[in-house]
């Protein structure tokens, strides 16, 4: 009897251990099942192996949030386009997507000057990137009191490059000499390494078309290329602010818009037609 009691005790002890181990295994599996769905939720950005991360990143880069007018999606150089009340906020890095002698020679977009200006002389500056935010009215209106365009950025092109006015710094000097430093695509960088266009952005007119949308000035009014209905636009076709009002492909109901021309003031005349927003970096 004593031996049978010992055997029964050992048998029950082994049975208890087996049941306990089985329960622990089930618990481990159930925790894994709970953890996996949690790591796949849109709010979980900590899991670098989460396949939803790449989808989330792509949807938040170079796209506009819901409610942004479709025309602003044409600004392909934007990393983010969002709304802030009555304003559209456009985030760009300001660097051109085309080649330039102002990129470092080791840069993939470096290209020696090969334009038609025999007097070309490269300035000592180079191209850098920034965190620019253009905040412009999404429904622009004519301003009661017009304001002159300042030195520095007055608008943004489709590729995220800044538009500048018809003057060179620091004291509103004519572009007569500065034009000789423009690269083959019509731009150059400042001493602060901000690349910009004072006149026609030749890369965009080549890629998009001479009559296409080129970008927006800070007052929210669009900028179009140097042609309209197959004809070159002259300064005499435009008002003192370098624009006029009629239907365009992007605005079938009509809108005031600026045109780029091949003569001073090139992009803008005596000031903004509307009330300008802001640009920050």
C-alpha atoms as a PDB file:
ATOM      1  CA  UNK A   1       0.000   0.000   0.000  1.00  0.00           C
ATOM      2  CA  UNK A   2       2.785   2.357   0.755  1.00  0.00           C
ATOM      3  CA  UNK A   3       4.336   1.796  -2.697  1.00  0.00           C
ATOM      4  CA  UNK A   4       0.978   2.306  -4.442  1.00  0.00           C
ATOM      5  CA  UNK A   5       0.483   5.638  -2.616  1.00  0.00           C
ATOM      6  CA  UNK A   6       3.864   6.850  -3.772  1.00  0.00           C
ATOM      7  CA  UNK A   7       3.117   5.874  -7.391  1.00  0.00           C
ATOM      8  CA  UNK A   8      -0.268   7.608  -7.292  1.00  0.00           C
ATOM      9  CA  UNK A   9       1.356  10.775  -5.882  1.00  0.00           C
ATOM     10  CA  UNK A  10       3.998  10.819  -8.637  1.00  0.00           C
ATOM     11  CA  UNK A  11       1.365  10.219 -11.333  1.00  0.00           C
ATOM     12  CA  UNK A  12      -0.800  13.114 -10.104  1.00  0.00           C
ATOM     13  CA  UNK A  13       2.248  15.368  -9.825  1.00  0.00           C
ATOM     14  CA  UNK A  14       3.222  14.686 -13.476  1.00  0.00           C
ATOM     15  CA  UNK A  15      -0.352  15.276 -14.604  1.00  0.00           C
ATOM     16  CA  UNK A  16      -0.483  18.658 -12.850  1.00  0.00           C
ATOM     17  CA  UNK A  17       2.829  19.719 -14.450  1.00  0.00           C
ATOM     18  CA  UNK A  18       1.612  18.696 -17.908  1.00  0.00           C
ATOM     19  CA  UNK A  19      -1.625  20.688 -17.565  1.00  0.00           C
ATOM     20  CA  UNK A  20       0.272  23.737 -16.241  1.00  0.00           C
ATOM     21  CA  UNK A  21       2.750  23.718 -19.137  1.00  0.00           C
ATOM     22  CA  UNK A  22      -0.074  23.439 -21.673  1.00  0.00           C
ATOM     23  CA  UNK A  23      -1.844  26.463 -20.196  1.00  0.00           C
ATOM     24  CA  UNK A  24       1.330  28.548 -20.286  1.00  0.00           C
ATOM     25  CA  UNK A  25       1.832  27.690 -23.961  1.00  0.00           C
ATOM     26  CA  UNK A  26      -1.704  28.844 -24.802  1.00  0.00           C
ATOM     27  CA  UNK A  27      -1.113  32.113 -22.974  1.00  0.00           C
ATOM     28  CA  UNK A  28       2.055  32.825 -24.979  1.00  0.00           C
ATOM     29  CA  UNK A  29       0.236  32.198 -28.266  1.00  0.00           C
ATOM     30  CA  UNK A  30      -2.723  34.373 -27.326  1.00  0.00           C
ATOM     31  CA  UNK A  31      -0.436  37.284 -26.380  1.00  0.00           C
ATOM     32  CA  UNK A  32       1.252  37.037 -29.776  1.00  0.00           C
ATOM     33  CA  UNK A  33      -2.154  37.150 -31.473  1.00  0.00           C
ATOM     34  CA  UNK A  34      -3.080  40.303 -29.536  1.00  0.00           C
ATOM     35  CA  UNK A  35       0.262  41.980 -30.221  1.00  0.00           C
ATOM     36  CA  UNK A  36       0.254  41.516 -34.005  1.00  0.00           C
ATOM     37  CA  UNK A  37      -3.040  43.306 -34.711  1.00  0.00           C
ATOM     38  CA  UNK A  38      -1.981  46.141 -32.402  1.00  0.00           C
ATOM     39  CA  UNK A  39       1.308  46.683 -34.276  1.00  0.00           C
ATOM     40  CA  UNK A  40      -0.646  46.933 -37.541  1.00  0.00           C
ATOM     41  CA  UNK A  41      -2.902  49.752 -36.416  1.00  0.00           C
ATOM     42  CA  UNK A  42      -2.451  53.104 -38.250  1.00  0.00           C
ATOM     43  CA  UNK A  43      -1.348  54.802 -35.022  1.00  0.00           C
ATOM     44  CA  UNK A  44       1.554  52.395 -34.464  1.00  0.00           C
ATOM     45  CA  UNK A  45       4.590  53.928 -36.174  1.00  0.00           C
ATOM     46  CA  UNK A  46       7.190  52.303 -33.951  1.00  0.00           C
ATOM     47  CA  UNK A  47       7.363  48.986 -35.808  1.00  0.00           C
ATOM     48  CA  UNK A  48       9.780  49.449 -38.680  1.00  0.00           C
ATOM     49  CA  UNK A  49       8.658  46.124 -40.171  1.00  0.00           C
ATOM     50  CA  UNK A  50       5.007  47.131 -40.251  1.00  0.00           C
ATOM     51  CA  UNK A  51       3.983  47.004 -43.923  1.00  0.00           C
ATOM     52  CA  UNK A  52       1.418  49.742 -43.298  1.00  0.00           C
ATOM     53  CA  UNK A  53       4.241  52.216 -42.523  1.00  0.00           C
ATOM     54  CA  UNK A  54       5.244  52.638 -46.161  1.00  0.00           C
ATOM     55  CA  UNK A  55       1.635  53.231 -47.190  1.00  0.00           C
ATOM     56  CA  UNK A  56       1.189  55.813 -44.449  1.00  0.00           C
ATOM     57  CA  UNK A  57       4.418  57.608 -45.358  1.00  0.00           C
ATOM     58  CA  UNK A  58       3.536  57.725 -49.052  1.00  0.00           C
ATOM     59  CA  UNK A  59       0.064  59.069 -48.405  1.00  0.00           C
ATOM     60  CA  UNK A  60       1.399  61.876 -46.227  1.00  0.00           C
ATOM     61  CA  UNK A  61       4.163  62.885 -48.640  1.00  0.00           C
ATOM     62  CA  UNK A  62       3.577  65.000 -51.734  1.00  0.00           C
ATOM     63  CA  UNK A  63      -0.207  64.810 -51.276  1.00  0.00           C
ATOM     64  CA  UNK A  64      -2.889  67.267 -50.297  1.00  0.00           C
ATOM     65  CA  UNK A  65      -5.243  66.733 -47.377  1.00  0.00           C
ATOM     66  CA  UNK A  66      -8.983  66.428 -47.928  1.00  0.00           C
ATOM     67  CA  UNK A  67     -10.638  69.712 -48.863  1.00  0.00           C
ATOM     68  CA  UNK A  68      -7.659  71.294 -50.617  1.00  0.00           C
ATOM     69  CA  UNK A  69      -8.749  72.551 -54.074  1.00  0.00           C
ATOM     70  CA  UNK A  70      -7.588  70.133 -56.775  1.00  0.00           C
ATOM     71  CA  UNK A  71      -5.566  72.740 -58.641  1.00  0.00           C
ATOM     72  CA  UNK A  72      -3.043  72.871 -55.797  1.00  0.00           C
ATOM     73  CA  UNK A  73      -2.226  69.193 -56.372  1.00  0.00           C
ATOM     74  CA  UNK A  74      -0.340  70.386 -59.441  1.00  0.00           C
ATOM     75  CA  UNK A  75       2.386  71.668 -57.116  1.00  0.00           C
ATOM     76  CA  UNK A  76       4.280  68.407 -57.424  1.00  0.00           C
ATOM     77  CA  UNK A  77       7.301  69.771 -55.550  1.00  0.00           C
ATOM     78  CA  UNK A  78       5.311  70.015 -52.311  1.00  0.00           C
ATOM     79  CA  UNK A  79       5.975  67.577 -49.488  1.00  0.00           C
ATOM     80  CA  UNK A  80       2.682  68.545 -47.837  1.00  0.00           C
ATOM     81  CA  UNK A  81      -0.360  70.611 -48.798  1.00  0.00           C
ATOM     82  CA  UNK A  82      -2.891  71.361 -46.083  1.00  0.00           C
ATOM     83  CA  UNK A  83      -5.577  73.824 -45.044  1.00  0.00           C
ATOM     84  CA  UNK A  84      -5.402  76.412 -42.289  1.00  0.00           C
ATOM     85  CA  UNK A  85      -8.729  78.184 -42.203  1.00  0.00           C
ATOM     86  CA  UNK A  86      -9.087  80.110 -45.465  1.00  0.00           C
ATOM     87  CA  UNK A  87      -5.464  79.467 -46.407  1.00  0.00           C
ATOM     88  CA  UNK A  88      -3.668  76.703 -48.266  1.00  0.00           C
ATOM     89  CA  UNK A  89      -0.336  75.807 -46.656  1.00  0.00           C
ATOM     90  CA  UNK A  90       2.284  74.470 -49.068  1.00  0.00           C
ATOM     91  CA  UNK A  91       5.453  72.900 -47.644  1.00  0.00           C
ATOM     92  CA  UNK A  92       8.471  72.625 -49.967  1.00  0.00           C
ATOM     93  CA  UNK A  93      12.246  72.334 -49.659  1.00  0.00           C
ATOM     94  CA  UNK A  94      12.898  74.985 -52.326  1.00  0.00           C
ATOM     95  CA  UNK A  95      15.458  73.042 -54.376  1.00  0.00           C
ATOM     96  CA  UNK A  96      14.914  72.563 -58.129  1.00  0.00           C
ATOM     97  CA  UNK A  97      14.205  69.126 -59.576  1.00  0.00           C
ATOM     98  CA  UNK A  98      16.207  69.944 -62.684  1.00  0.00           C
ATOM     99  CA  UNK A  99      19.934  70.054 -63.305  1.00  0.00           C
ATOM    100  CA  UNK A 100      22.033  73.112 -62.547  1.00  0.00           C
ATOM    101  CA  UNK A 101      25.680  74.174 -62.345  1.00  0.00           C
ATOM    102  CA  UNK A 102      24.838  75.468 -58.867  1.00  0.00           C
ATOM    103  CA  UNK A 103      24.582  71.954 -57.458  1.00  0.00           C
ATOM    104  CA  UNK A 104      27.816  70.493 -56.116  1.00  0.00           C
ATOM    105  CA  UNK A 105      29.759  68.660 -58.828  1.00  0.00           C
ATOM    106  CA  UNK A 106      29.199  65.405 -56.937  1.00  0.00           C
ATOM    107  CA  UNK A 107      25.409  65.902 -56.887  1.00  0.00           C
ATOM    108  CA  UNK A 108      23.307  63.777 -59.251  1.00  0.00           C
ATOM    109  CA  UNK A 109      21.647  66.924 -60.634  1.00  0.00           C
ATOM    110  CA  UNK A 110      24.874  68.780 -61.333  1.00  0.00           C
ATOM    111  CA  UNK A 111      25.234  69.933 -64.916  1.00  0.00           C
ATOM    112  CA  UNK A 112      27.717  72.446 -66.293  1.00  0.00           C
ATOM    113  CA  UNK A 113      26.188  75.504 -67.914  1.00  0.00           C
ATOM    114  CA  UNK A 114      25.090  74.730 -71.471  1.00  0.00           C
ATOM    115  CA  UNK A 115      22.693  77.577 -72.169  1.00  0.00           C
ATOM    116  CA  UNK A 116      22.719  80.233 -74.888  1.00  0.00           C
ATOM    117  CA  UNK A 117      24.005  83.206 -72.869  1.00  0.00           C
ATOM    118  CA  UNK A 118      27.563  83.900 -74.029  1.00  0.00           C
ATOM    119  CA  UNK A 119      27.988  86.255 -71.062  1.00  0.00           C
ATOM    120  CA  UNK A 120      27.060  83.654 -68.478  1.00  0.00           C
ATOM    121  CA  UNK A 121      29.082  83.922 -65.290  1.00  0.00           C
ATOM    122  CA  UNK A 122      28.356  81.582 -62.397  1.00  0.00           C
ATOM    123  CA  UNK A 123      27.869  83.368 -59.086  1.00  0.00           C
ATOM    124  CA  UNK A 124      29.722  82.015 -56.010  1.00  0.00           C
ATOM    125  CA  UNK A 125      26.602  80.590 -54.375  1.00  0.00           C
ATOM    126  CA  UNK A 126      25.210  77.048 -54.236  1.00  0.00           C
ATOM    127  CA  UNK A 127      21.854  75.312 -53.834  1.00  0.00           C
ATOM    128  CA  UNK A 128      20.583  74.122 -50.467  1.00  0.00           C
ATOM    129  CA  UNK A 129      17.264  72.868 -49.095  1.00  0.00           C
ATOM    130  CA  UNK A 130      14.991  74.507 -46.542  1.00  0.00           C
ATOM    131  CA  UNK A 131      11.685  74.009 -44.766  1.00  0.00           C
ATOM    132  CA  UNK A 132       9.564  76.579 -46.577  1.00  0.00           C
ATOM    133  CA  UNK A 133       5.864  77.038 -45.869  1.00  0.00           C
ATOM    134  CA  UNK A 134       3.811  79.153 -48.230  1.00  0.00           C
ATOM    135  CA  UNK A 135       0.484  80.192 -46.728  1.00  0.00           C
ATOM    136  CA  UNK A 136      -1.758  81.605 -49.443  1.00  0.00           C
ATOM    137  CA  UNK A 137      -5.501  82.348 -49.753  1.00  0.00           C
ATOM    138  CA  UNK A 138      -7.407  79.444 -51.283  1.00  0.00           C
ATOM    139  CA  UNK A 139     -10.074  81.856 -52.579  1.00  0.00           C
ATOM    140  CA  UNK A 140      -8.090  84.982 -53.551  1.00  0.00           C
ATOM    141  CA  UNK A 141      -9.771  88.335 -54.013  1.00  0.00           C
ATOM    142  CA  UNK A 142      -8.651  91.668 -55.382  1.00  0.00           C
ATOM    143  CA  UNK A 143      -7.136  93.821 -52.665  1.00  0.00           C
ATOM    144  CA  UNK A 144      -8.569  97.262 -52.009  1.00  0.00           C
ATOM    145  CA  UNK A 145      -5.077  98.549 -51.294  1.00  0.00           C
ATOM    146  CA  UNK A 146      -2.408  96.918 -53.437  1.00  0.00           C
ATOM    147  CA  UNK A 147       0.986  96.201 -51.872  1.00  0.00           C
ATOM    148  CA  UNK A 148       4.313  96.028 -53.714  1.00  0.00           C
ATOM    149  CA  UNK A 149       6.136  92.726 -53.983  1.00  0.00           C
ATOM    150  CA  UNK A 150       9.238  92.640 -51.747  1.00  0.00           C
ATOM    151  CA  UNK A 151      12.680  91.245 -52.374  1.00  0.00           C
ATOM    152  CA  UNK A 152      12.757  87.535 -51.620  1.00  0.00           C
ATOM    153  CA  UNK A 153      10.089  84.969 -52.306  1.00  0.00           C
ATOM    154  CA  UNK A 154       6.828  86.284 -53.754  1.00  0.00           C
ATOM    155  CA  UNK A 155       5.358  82.911 -54.726  1.00  0.00           C
ATOM    156  CA  UNK A 156       6.002  79.249 -55.409  1.00  0.00           C
ATOM    157  CA  UNK A 157       6.436  77.336 -58.665  1.00  0.00           C
ATOM    158  CA  UNK A 158       5.028  73.862 -59.323  1.00  0.00           C
ATOM    159  CA  UNK A 159       8.379  72.260 -58.525  1.00  0.00           C
ATOM    160  CA  UNK A 160       8.662  74.036 -55.158  1.00  0.00           C
ATOM    161  CA  UNK A 161      11.121  76.719 -56.278  1.00  0.00           C
ATOM    162  CA  UNK A 162      10.494  80.321 -55.216  1.00  0.00           C
ATOM    163  CA  UNK A 163       9.435  83.093 -57.577  1.00  0.00           C
ATOM    164  CA  UNK A 164      11.236  86.425 -57.059  1.00  0.00           C
ATOM    165  CA  UNK A 165      10.303  89.821 -58.511  1.00  0.00           C
ATOM    166  CA  UNK A 166      12.097  91.812 -61.188  1.00  0.00           C
ATOM    167  CA  UNK A 167      14.712  93.323 -58.891  1.00  0.00           C
ATOM    168  CA  UNK A 168      18.099  92.283 -57.589  1.00  0.00           C
ATOM    169  CA  UNK A 169      19.088  92.868 -53.983  1.00  0.00           C
ATOM    170  CA  UNK A 170      19.850  94.569 -51.837  1.00  0.00           C
ATOM    171  CA  UNK A 171      18.337  97.825 -53.122  1.00  0.00           C
ATOM    172  CA  UNK A 172      15.896  96.966 -55.910  1.00  0.00           C
ATOM    173  CA  UNK A 173      18.520  97.044 -58.623  1.00  0.00           C
ATOM    174  CA  UNK A 174      17.631  96.085 -62.210  1.00  0.00           C
ATOM    175  CA  UNK A 175      18.436  92.510 -63.215  1.00  0.00           C
ATOM    176  CA  UNK A 176      20.676  93.726 -66.060  1.00  0.00           C
ATOM    177  CA  UNK A 177      23.867  92.183 -64.674  1.00  0.00           C
ATOM    178  CA  UNK A 178      22.309  89.505 -62.516  1.00  0.00           C
ATOM    179  CA  UNK A 179      20.692  87.863 -65.539  1.00  0.00           C
ATOM    180  CA  UNK A 180      24.154  86.720 -66.619  1.00  0.00           C
ATOM    181  CA  UNK A 181      24.315  84.433 -63.588  1.00  0.00           C
ATOM    182  CA  UNK A 182      21.058  82.604 -64.398  1.00  0.00           C
ATOM    183  CA  UNK A 183      21.610  78.955 -65.264  1.00  0.00           C
ATOM    184  CA  UNK A 184      20.250  77.221 -68.361  1.00  0.00           C
ATOM    185  CA  UNK A 185      16.853  76.836 -66.676  1.00  0.00           C
ATOM    186  CA  UNK A 186      16.483  80.480 -65.693  1.00  0.00           C
ATOM    187  CA  UNK A 187      17.350  80.398 -62.011  1.00  0.00           C
ATOM    188  CA  UNK A 188      20.183  80.891 -59.554  1.00  0.00           C
ATOM    189  CA  UNK A 189      20.782  80.791 -55.777  1.00  0.00           C
ATOM    190  CA  UNK A 190      21.140  83.679 -53.335  1.00  0.00           C
ATOM    191  CA  UNK A 191      23.996  84.099 -50.891  1.00  0.00           C
ATOM    192  CA  UNK A 192      21.769  82.206 -48.439  1.00  0.00           C
ATOM    193  CA  UNK A 193      21.622  79.312 -50.982  1.00  0.00           C
ATOM    194  CA  UNK A 194      17.950  79.820 -51.872  1.00  0.00           C
ATOM    195  CA  UNK A 195      17.431  78.886 -55.518  1.00  0.00           C
ATOM    196  CA  UNK A 196      14.788  80.984 -57.299  1.00  0.00           C
ATOM    197  CA  UNK A 197      13.374  82.266 -60.606  1.00  0.00           C
ATOM    198  CA  UNK A 198      13.080  85.948 -61.521  1.00  0.00           C
ATOM    199  CA  UNK A 199      11.799  85.148 -64.987  1.00  0.00           C
ATOM    200  CA  UNK A 200      10.576  82.214 -67.084  1.00  0.00           C
ATOM    201  CA  UNK A 201      11.349  78.830 -65.487  1.00  0.00           C
ATOM    202  CA  UNK A 202      12.450  77.150 -68.708  1.00  0.00           C
ATOM    203  CA  UNK A 203      12.383  73.645 -67.280  1.00  0.00           C
ATOM    204  CA  UNK A 204       8.718  74.006 -66.346  1.00  0.00           C
ATOM    205  CA  UNK A 205       7.624  75.603 -69.606  1.00  0.00           C
ATOM    206  CA  UNK A 206       9.388  72.794 -71.474  1.00  0.00           C
ATOM    207  CA  UNK A 207       7.876  70.042 -69.347  1.00  0.00           C
ATOM    208  CA  UNK A 208       4.418  71.511 -68.681  1.00  0.00           C
ATOM    209  CA  UNK A 209       3.872  73.684 -71.758  1.00  0.00           C
ATOM    210  CA  UNK A 210       4.186  77.396 -72.459  1.00  0.00           C
ATOM    211  CA  UNK A 211       0.516  78.011 -71.684  1.00  0.00           C
ATOM    212  CA  UNK A 212       0.367  75.878 -68.538  1.00  0.00           C
ATOM    213  CA  UNK A 213       0.029  76.758 -64.877  1.00  0.00           C
ATOM    214  CA  UNK A 214       3.482  77.563 -63.454  1.00  0.00           C
ATOM    215  CA  UNK A 215       2.590  78.174 -59.798  1.00  0.00           C
ATOM    216  CA  UNK A 216       1.056  80.777 -57.486  1.00  0.00           C
ATOM    217  CA  UNK A 217       2.005  84.116 -56.017  1.00  0.00           C
ATOM    218  CA  UNK A 218       1.526  84.715 -52.301  1.00  0.00           C
ATOM    219  CA  UNK A 219      -1.833  86.398 -52.892  1.00  0.00           C
ATOM    220  CA  UNK A 220      -3.218  83.069 -54.150  1.00  0.00           C
ATOM    221  CA  UNK A 221      -3.606  84.092 -57.779  1.00  0.00           C
ATOM    222  CA  UNK A 222      -2.130  81.654 -60.319  1.00  0.00           C
ATOM    223  CA  UNK A 223       0.845  82.271 -62.580  1.00  0.00           C
ATOM    224  CA  UNK A 224       0.683  81.040 -66.170  1.00  0.00           C
ATOM    225  CA  UNK A 225       3.349  80.597 -68.812  1.00  0.00           C
ATOM    226  CA  UNK A 226       4.314  82.976 -71.626  1.00  0.00           C
ATOM    227  CA  UNK A 227       1.697  81.810 -74.149  1.00  0.00           C
ATOM    228  CA  UNK A 228      -2.058  81.956 -74.404  1.00  0.00           C
ATOM    229  CA  UNK A 229      -4.143  80.420 -77.191  1.00  0.00           C
ATOM    230  CA  UNK A 230      -0.948  79.620 -79.060  1.00  0.00           C
ATOM    231  CA  UNK A 231       0.315  83.228 -78.982  1.00  0.00           C
ATOM    232  CA  UNK A 232       3.065  84.820 -76.924  1.00  0.00           C
ATOM    233  CA  UNK A 233       1.777  87.112 -74.195  1.00  0.00           C
ATOM    234  CA  UNK A 234       3.206  90.636 -74.252  1.00  0.00           C
ATOM    235  CA  UNK A 235       3.334  93.149 -71.437  1.00  0.00           C
ATOM    236  CA  UNK A 236       0.823  95.258 -73.373  1.00  0.00           C
ATOM    237  CA  UNK A 237      -1.714  92.431 -72.998  1.00  0.00           C
ATOM    238  CA  UNK A 238      -1.551  92.713 -69.216  1.00  0.00           C
ATOM    239  CA  UNK A 239      -2.390  95.301 -66.570  1.00  0.00           C
ATOM    240  CA  UNK A 240       0.086  97.081 -64.303  1.00  0.00           C
ATOM    241  CA  UNK A 241       0.186  94.048 -61.981  1.00  0.00           C
ATOM    242  CA  UNK A 242       1.132  91.824 -64.927  1.00  0.00           C
ATOM    243  CA  UNK A 243      -2.128  89.925 -65.184  1.00  0.00           C
ATOM    244  CA  UNK A 244      -5.677  89.836 -66.523  1.00  0.00           C
ATOM    245  CA  UNK A 245      -8.966  88.061 -65.860  1.00  0.00           C
ATOM    246  CA  UNK A 246     -10.616  85.335 -67.952  1.00  0.00           C
ATOM    247  CA  UNK A 247     -11.238  81.585 -68.084  1.00  0.00           C
ATOM    248  CA  UNK A 248      -8.335  79.151 -67.952  1.00  0.00           C
ATOM    249  CA  UNK A 249      -8.106  75.364 -68.163  1.00  0.00           C
ATOM    250  CA  UNK A 250      -7.835  75.214 -64.366  1.00  0.00           C
ATOM    251  CA  UNK A 251     -10.490  77.864 -63.685  1.00  0.00           C
ATOM    252  CA  UNK A 252     -13.384  77.419 -66.139  1.00  0.00           C
ATOM    253  CA  UNK A 253     -15.382  80.141 -64.352  1.00  0.00           C
ATOM    254  CA  UNK A 254     -12.553  82.613 -64.845  1.00  0.00           C
ATOM    255  CA  UNK A 255      -9.979  84.091 -62.493  1.00  0.00           C
ATOM    256  CA  UNK A 256      -7.442  86.859 -62.377  1.00  0.00           C
ATOM    257  CA  UNK A 257      -4.013  85.402 -63.183  1.00  0.00           C
ATOM    258  CA  UNK A 258      -0.485  86.524 -63.853  1.00  0.00           C
ATOM    259  CA  UNK A 259       1.537  85.697 -66.963  1.00  0.00           C
ATOM    260  CA  UNK A 260       5.256  85.266 -67.403  1.00  0.00           C
ATOM    261  CA  UNK A 261       6.653  87.387 -70.225  1.00  0.00           C
ATOM    262  CA  UNK A 262      10.098  87.792 -71.777  1.00  0.00           C
ATOM    263  CA  UNK A 263      10.416  91.466 -70.812  1.00  0.00           C
ATOM    264  CA  UNK A 264      10.645  93.283 -67.476  1.00  0.00           C
ATOM    265  CA  UNK A 265       8.860  92.767 -65.061  1.00  0.00           C
ATOM    266  CA  UNK A 266       8.780  89.118 -66.258  1.00  0.00           C
ATOM    267  CA  UNK A 267       6.441  87.693 -63.580  1.00  0.00           C
ATOM    268  CA  UNK A 268       4.884  90.554 -61.611  1.00  0.00           C
ATOM    269  CA  UNK A 269       4.519  94.286 -62.057  1.00  0.00           C
ATOM    270  CA  UNK A 270       3.721  96.982 -59.544  1.00  0.00           C
ATOM    271  CA  UNK A 271       2.594  94.661 -56.752  1.00  0.00           C
ATOM    272  CA  UNK A 272       0.190  91.929 -55.725  1.00  0.00           C
ATOM    273  CA  UNK A 273      -3.290  92.076 -57.249  1.00  0.00           C
ATOM    274  CA  UNK A 274      -4.637  90.399 -54.124  1.00  0.00           C
ATOM    275  CA  UNK A 275      -3.748  90.384 -50.451  1.00  0.00           C
ATOM    276  CA  UNK A 276      -0.588  88.323 -49.932  1.00  0.00           C
ATOM    277  CA  UNK A 277      -0.257  85.532 -47.451  1.00  0.00           C
ATOM    278  CA  UNK A 278       3.083  84.607 -45.866  1.00  0.00           C
ATOM    279  CA  UNK A 279       6.173  82.517 -46.464  1.00  0.00           C
ATOM    280  CA  UNK A 280       8.296  81.170 -43.608  1.00  0.00           C
ATOM    281  CA  UNK A 281      11.372  78.992 -43.343  1.00  0.00           C
END
